[in-house]
């Protein structure tokens, strides 16, 4: 039985008003039929955001699962990414991602890592062109610093819709959150469980208080900060657990205690 849909956030600027679910499915290291089945299970459970990348090697399976799900195309947000060594071949790569997924448009296309450690405004310009040409609905970056984002804005006048970074309570930085919000960039977090000790006292205490798992506390913590979270899993039970976080709310005190892990 599907769970209630995740809340969404609207991404503007380079996002064109795309409604981005706050909880998505990461697919790194999922391949072949395992990837196809995981995405199908996730969509049946109620996920509406699926994250893949050129380097994951599973764009074909992700696209097939979206088509096989029976959902209307507009109900599912599909993200994929340009690997850093593909900079300079943006048009070729986006068309190949479209071919592999079998989708008529990509919802969100990200620069996976700063190419050669540089912001590369020229690559960002090609991304904006892909959006203008209707190949993708929204464009953004991944693993960029605030300074690199500022370089893209200075060169083009357009901020990335999203910056996908490694995030979790132990990496919490109010200044980073604020900087992204000021620039109209949605922060999206990957590896939410690996980034933090799930047995940390404030997380464990919140889990006991609300009768939920520590993973659910971490997902809920992201939501209450407005950070999109994309835990990866191929296990249907674990996927359901990660999505089932709307039945409780962390108190201000619980949030502050978990936030403090980022200063520990």
Protein backbone atom coordinates (compact mmCIF):
# COMPACT_ATOMS: atom_id res chain seq x y z
CA UNK A 1 0.00 0.00 0.00
CA UNK A 2 1.46 3.39 -0.96
CA UNK A 3 2.53 5.71 1.83
CA UNK A 4 1.48 9.38 1.86
CA UNK A 5 3.47 11.37 -0.69
CA UNK A 6 6.54 13.25 0.44
CA UNK A 7 6.22 17.00 0.91
CA UNK A 8 7.74 18.97 -1.96
CA UNK A 9 9.81 22.09 -2.43
CA UNK A 10 9.60 24.34 -5.48
CA UNK A 11 12.86 24.96 -7.27
CA UNK A 12 13.02 28.23 -9.13
CA UNK A 13 15.77 29.98 -11.12
CA UNK A 14 17.22 27.19 -13.28
CA UNK A 15 14.37 24.96 -12.16
CA UNK A 16 11.41 26.58 -13.86
CA UNK A 17 9.08 25.95 -10.93
CA UNK A 18 9.65 22.17 -10.76
CA UNK A 19 8.09 20.59 -7.68
CA UNK A 20 10.83 18.50 -6.09
CA UNK A 21 9.84 15.85 -3.52
CA UNK A 22 11.78 16.19 -0.26
CA UNK A 23 12.42 12.42 -0.11
CA UNK A 24 13.85 10.49 -3.04
CA UNK A 25 15.50 7.19 -3.84
CA UNK A 26 19.24 7.03 -4.48
CA UNK A 27 20.36 4.29 -6.89
CA UNK A 28 24.16 4.32 -6.62
CA UNK A 29 25.60 0.77 -6.81
CA UNK A 30 22.24 -0.67 -7.93
CA UNK A 31 22.55 -2.42 -11.29
CA UNK A 32 20.55 -4.50 -13.75
CA UNK A 33 17.34 -6.10 -12.58
CA UNK A 34 18.13 -5.15 -8.97
CA UNK A 35 17.98 -1.49 -9.96
CA UNK A 36 14.82 -1.96 -12.04
CA UNK A 37 13.05 -3.79 -9.20
CA UNK A 38 14.17 -1.27 -6.57
CA UNK A 39 12.82 1.69 -8.54
CA UNK A 40 9.55 -0.13 -9.24
CA UNK A 41 9.18 -0.96 -5.54
CA UNK A 42 9.95 2.64 -4.58
CA UNK A 43 7.37 4.05 -6.98
CA UNK A 44 4.77 1.56 -5.74
CA UNK A 45 5.50 2.66 -2.16
CA UNK A 46 5.00 6.32 -3.01
CA UNK A 47 8.43 7.70 -3.93
CA UNK A 48 8.23 10.29 -6.69
CA UNK A 49 11.92 11.28 -6.96
CA UNK A 50 14.54 8.89 -8.35
CA UNK A 51 18.23 9.80 -8.51
CA UNK A 52 20.65 8.25 -10.99
CA UNK A 53 23.80 9.35 -12.84
CA UNK A 54 25.78 8.54 -15.95
CA UNK A 55 28.51 6.97 -13.80
CA UNK A 56 26.02 4.66 -12.03
CA UNK A 57 25.45 2.71 -15.25
CA UNK A 58 21.76 2.17 -14.51
CA UNK A 59 19.98 4.93 -16.44
CA UNK A 60 18.37 2.32 -18.71
CA UNK A 61 16.91 0.38 -15.77
CA UNK A 62 15.71 3.52 -13.99
CA UNK A 63 13.92 4.76 -17.11
CA UNK A 64 12.36 1.35 -17.75
CA UNK A 65 11.02 1.20 -14.18
CA UNK A 66 9.46 4.66 -14.52
CA UNK A 67 7.74 3.57 -17.73
CA UNK A 68 6.71 0.19 -16.29
CA UNK A 69 5.27 1.74 -13.12
CA UNK A 70 2.02 2.79 -14.77
CA UNK A 71 2.39 6.29 -13.32
CA UNK A 72 1.87 9.36 -15.45
CA UNK A 73 5.25 10.68 -16.61
CA UNK A 74 4.68 14.01 -14.90
CA UNK A 75 4.29 12.30 -11.51
CA UNK A 76 7.93 11.20 -11.26
CA UNK A 77 11.02 13.41 -11.06
CA UNK A 78 14.06 11.71 -12.57
CA UNK A 79 17.52 13.13 -11.85
CA UNK A 80 20.70 12.18 -13.69
CA UNK A 81 24.18 13.67 -13.81
CA UNK A 82 27.10 14.51 -16.10
CA UNK A 83 30.34 12.97 -14.83
CA UNK A 84 33.22 15.42 -14.58
CA UNK A 85 35.28 13.91 -17.40
CA UNK A 86 32.35 14.48 -19.78
CA UNK A 87 32.64 18.27 -19.56
CA UNK A 88 32.84 19.61 -23.11
CA UNK A 89 30.49 16.88 -24.41
CA UNK A 90 27.35 18.08 -22.65
CA UNK A 91 24.95 17.89 -25.63
CA UNK A 92 26.14 14.38 -26.54
CA UNK A 93 25.81 13.19 -22.96
CA UNK A 94 22.33 14.57 -22.32
CA UNK A 95 21.05 13.00 -25.52
CA UNK A 96 22.58 9.68 -24.52
CA UNK A 97 20.89 9.91 -21.10
CA UNK A 98 17.59 10.55 -22.85
CA UNK A 99 18.18 7.54 -25.11
CA UNK A 100 19.10 5.22 -22.26
CA UNK A 101 16.22 6.23 -19.99
CA UNK A 102 13.75 6.25 -22.87
CA UNK A 103 12.28 9.48 -21.50
CA UNK A 104 11.31 12.44 -23.64
CA UNK A 105 12.73 14.92 -21.13
CA UNK A 106 14.97 14.71 -18.05
CA UNK A 107 13.53 16.42 -14.99
CA UNK A 108 16.77 17.41 -13.27
CA UNK A 109 20.29 17.29 -14.75
CA UNK A 110 23.30 17.95 -12.53
CA UNK A 111 27.03 18.46 -12.99
CA UNK A 112 28.11 15.51 -10.85
CA UNK A 113 31.42 16.98 -9.59
CA UNK A 114 33.17 20.25 -10.45
CA UNK A 115 35.15 19.22 -13.58
CA UNK A 116 38.82 19.16 -12.67
CA UNK A 117 37.88 20.82 -9.39
CA UNK A 118 36.76 23.95 -11.25
CA UNK A 119 33.32 25.58 -11.42
CA UNK A 120 33.39 25.58 -15.25
CA UNK A 121 30.90 28.31 -16.24
CA UNK A 122 31.19 27.06 -19.84
CA UNK A 123 29.68 23.72 -18.82
CA UNK A 124 26.99 25.56 -16.88
CA UNK A 125 26.14 27.57 -20.00
CA UNK A 126 25.65 24.30 -21.93
CA UNK A 127 23.36 23.09 -19.16
CA UNK A 128 21.26 26.25 -19.43
CA UNK A 129 21.09 25.75 -23.19
CA UNK A 130 19.82 22.18 -22.69
CA UNK A 131 17.06 23.55 -20.47
CA UNK A 132 16.15 26.25 -22.98
CA UNK A 133 15.97 23.60 -25.72
CA UNK A 134 13.55 21.49 -23.68
CA UNK A 135 15.88 18.54 -23.20
CA UNK A 136 15.75 18.96 -19.43
CA UNK A 137 13.30 20.70 -17.12
CA UNK A 138 15.76 21.89 -14.49
CA UNK A 139 19.53 22.02 -14.07
CA UNK A 140 21.87 22.13 -11.12
CA UNK A 141 25.15 20.93 -9.68
CA UNK A 142 26.52 18.43 -7.20
CA UNK A 143 29.43 18.66 -4.76
CA UNK A 144 29.97 22.37 -5.48
CA UNK A 145 31.14 24.88 -2.90
CA UNK A 146 29.27 28.13 -2.33
CA UNK A 147 32.18 29.98 -3.94
CA UNK A 148 31.88 27.82 -7.07
CA UNK A 149 28.14 28.45 -7.19
CA UNK A 150 28.84 32.17 -6.98
CA UNK A 151 31.22 31.83 -9.94
CA UNK A 152 28.42 30.30 -12.03
CA UNK A 153 26.01 33.04 -11.01
CA UNK A 154 28.54 35.76 -11.80
CA UNK A 155 29.15 34.32 -15.26
CA UNK A 156 25.55 33.65 -16.29
CA UNK A 157 23.24 35.43 -13.89
CA UNK A 158 21.51 32.11 -13.17
CA UNK A 159 21.90 30.06 -9.99
CA UNK A 160 21.76 26.26 -10.05
CA UNK A 161 18.35 24.97 -9.00
CA UNK A 162 19.96 22.34 -6.78
CA UNK A 163 23.31 21.53 -5.19
CA UNK A 164 23.49 17.86 -4.23
CA UNK A 165 26.08 17.25 -1.52
CA UNK A 166 26.96 14.69 1.15
CA UNK A 167 24.80 15.73 4.12
CA UNK A 168 23.63 14.54 7.50
CA UNK A 169 23.47 15.68 11.12
CA UNK A 170 27.23 15.33 11.65
CA UNK A 171 27.81 17.60 8.64
CA UNK A 172 25.20 20.18 9.62
CA UNK A 173 26.34 23.73 8.96
CA UNK A 174 23.83 26.52 9.43
CA UNK A 175 26.01 28.87 7.39
CA UNK A 176 25.93 26.51 4.39
CA UNK A 177 22.15 26.15 4.66
CA UNK A 178 21.72 29.90 4.85
CA UNK A 179 24.07 30.56 1.92
CA UNK A 180 22.12 28.22 -0.33
CA UNK A 181 18.79 29.70 0.73
CA UNK A 182 20.05 33.23 0.05
CA UNK A 183 20.98 32.21 -3.48
CA UNK A 184 17.74 30.34 -4.12
CA UNK A 185 19.56 27.00 -4.39
CA UNK A 186 17.89 23.90 -2.95
CA UNK A 187 20.28 21.78 -0.90
CA UNK A 188 19.94 18.06 -1.58
CA UNK A 189 21.67 15.55 0.66
CA UNK A 190 23.08 12.14 -0.24
CA UNK A 191 24.53 9.44 2.05
CA UNK A 192 22.41 10.68 4.99
CA UNK A 193 23.09 7.60 7.14
CA UNK A 194 26.76 7.10 6.33
CA UNK A 195 27.51 10.72 7.18
CA UNK A 196 26.42 10.35 10.81
CA UNK A 197 26.64 7.94 13.73
CA UNK A 198 23.08 6.67 13.97
CA UNK A 199 23.70 5.74 17.62
CA UNK A 200 24.54 9.34 18.55
CA UNK A 201 22.72 10.24 21.76
CA UNK A 202 20.32 12.93 20.44
CA UNK A 203 19.29 10.78 17.47
CA UNK A 204 18.73 7.71 19.62
CA UNK A 205 16.80 9.76 22.20
CA UNK A 206 14.50 11.21 19.54
CA UNK A 207 13.91 7.75 18.10
CA UNK A 208 12.86 6.41 21.52
CA UNK A 209 10.64 9.42 22.19
CA UNK A 210 8.71 9.02 18.94
CA UNK A 211 8.78 5.24 18.65
CA UNK A 212 10.62 5.31 15.32
CA UNK A 213 13.98 4.17 13.99
CA UNK A 214 17.11 6.30 14.09
CA UNK A 215 17.07 6.32 10.26
CA UNK A 216 13.59 7.80 10.34
CA UNK A 217 14.79 10.49 12.71
CA UNK A 218 17.59 11.42 10.30
CA UNK A 219 15.21 11.59 7.32
CA UNK A 220 12.74 13.67 9.32
CA UNK A 221 15.58 16.00 10.41
CA UNK A 222 16.35 16.70 6.74
CA UNK A 223 12.70 17.45 6.00
CA UNK A 224 12.36 19.92 8.86
CA UNK A 225 15.40 21.80 7.56
CA UNK A 226 13.97 21.85 4.03
CA UNK A 227 16.83 19.69 2.72
CA UNK A 228 15.93 17.13 0.06
CA UNK A 229 17.18 13.70 1.16
CA UNK A 230 17.92 10.74 -1.12
CA UNK A 231 18.80 7.65 0.91
CA UNK A 232 19.75 4.75 -1.32
CA UNK A 233 18.36 1.26 -0.83
CA UNK A 234 17.25 -1.76 -2.83
CA UNK A 235 15.36 -3.29 0.11
CA UNK A 236 11.61 -2.67 -0.05
CA UNK A 237 11.16 -2.77 3.73
CA UNK A 238 13.96 -0.28 4.28
CA UNK A 239 12.62 1.98 1.52
CA UNK A 240 9.20 1.98 3.17
CA UNK A 241 10.76 2.83 6.52
CA UNK A 242 12.70 5.76 5.05
CA UNK A 243 9.56 7.20 3.48
CA UNK A 244 7.30 6.72 6.52
CA UNK A 245 8.29 9.88 8.42
CA UNK A 246 5.21 12.07 8.27
CA UNK A 247 3.59 10.70 11.42
CA UNK A 248 5.88 12.51 13.84
CA UNK A 249 7.68 15.83 14.19
CA UNK A 250 10.93 16.61 15.94
CA UNK A 251 10.63 19.29 18.61
CA UNK A 252 12.74 22.43 18.57
CA UNK A 253 14.88 21.00 21.34
CA UNK A 254 15.39 17.72 19.49
CA UNK A 255 16.34 19.55 16.30
CA UNK A 256 18.84 21.75 18.15
CA UNK A 257 20.43 18.73 19.87
CA UNK A 258 20.81 16.89 16.55
CA UNK A 259 22.10 20.06 14.84
CA UNK A 260 24.81 20.28 17.50
CA UNK A 261 26.31 17.04 16.15
CA UNK A 262 27.64 19.17 13.32
CA UNK A 263 29.72 21.14 15.82
CA UNK A 264 30.92 18.14 17.82
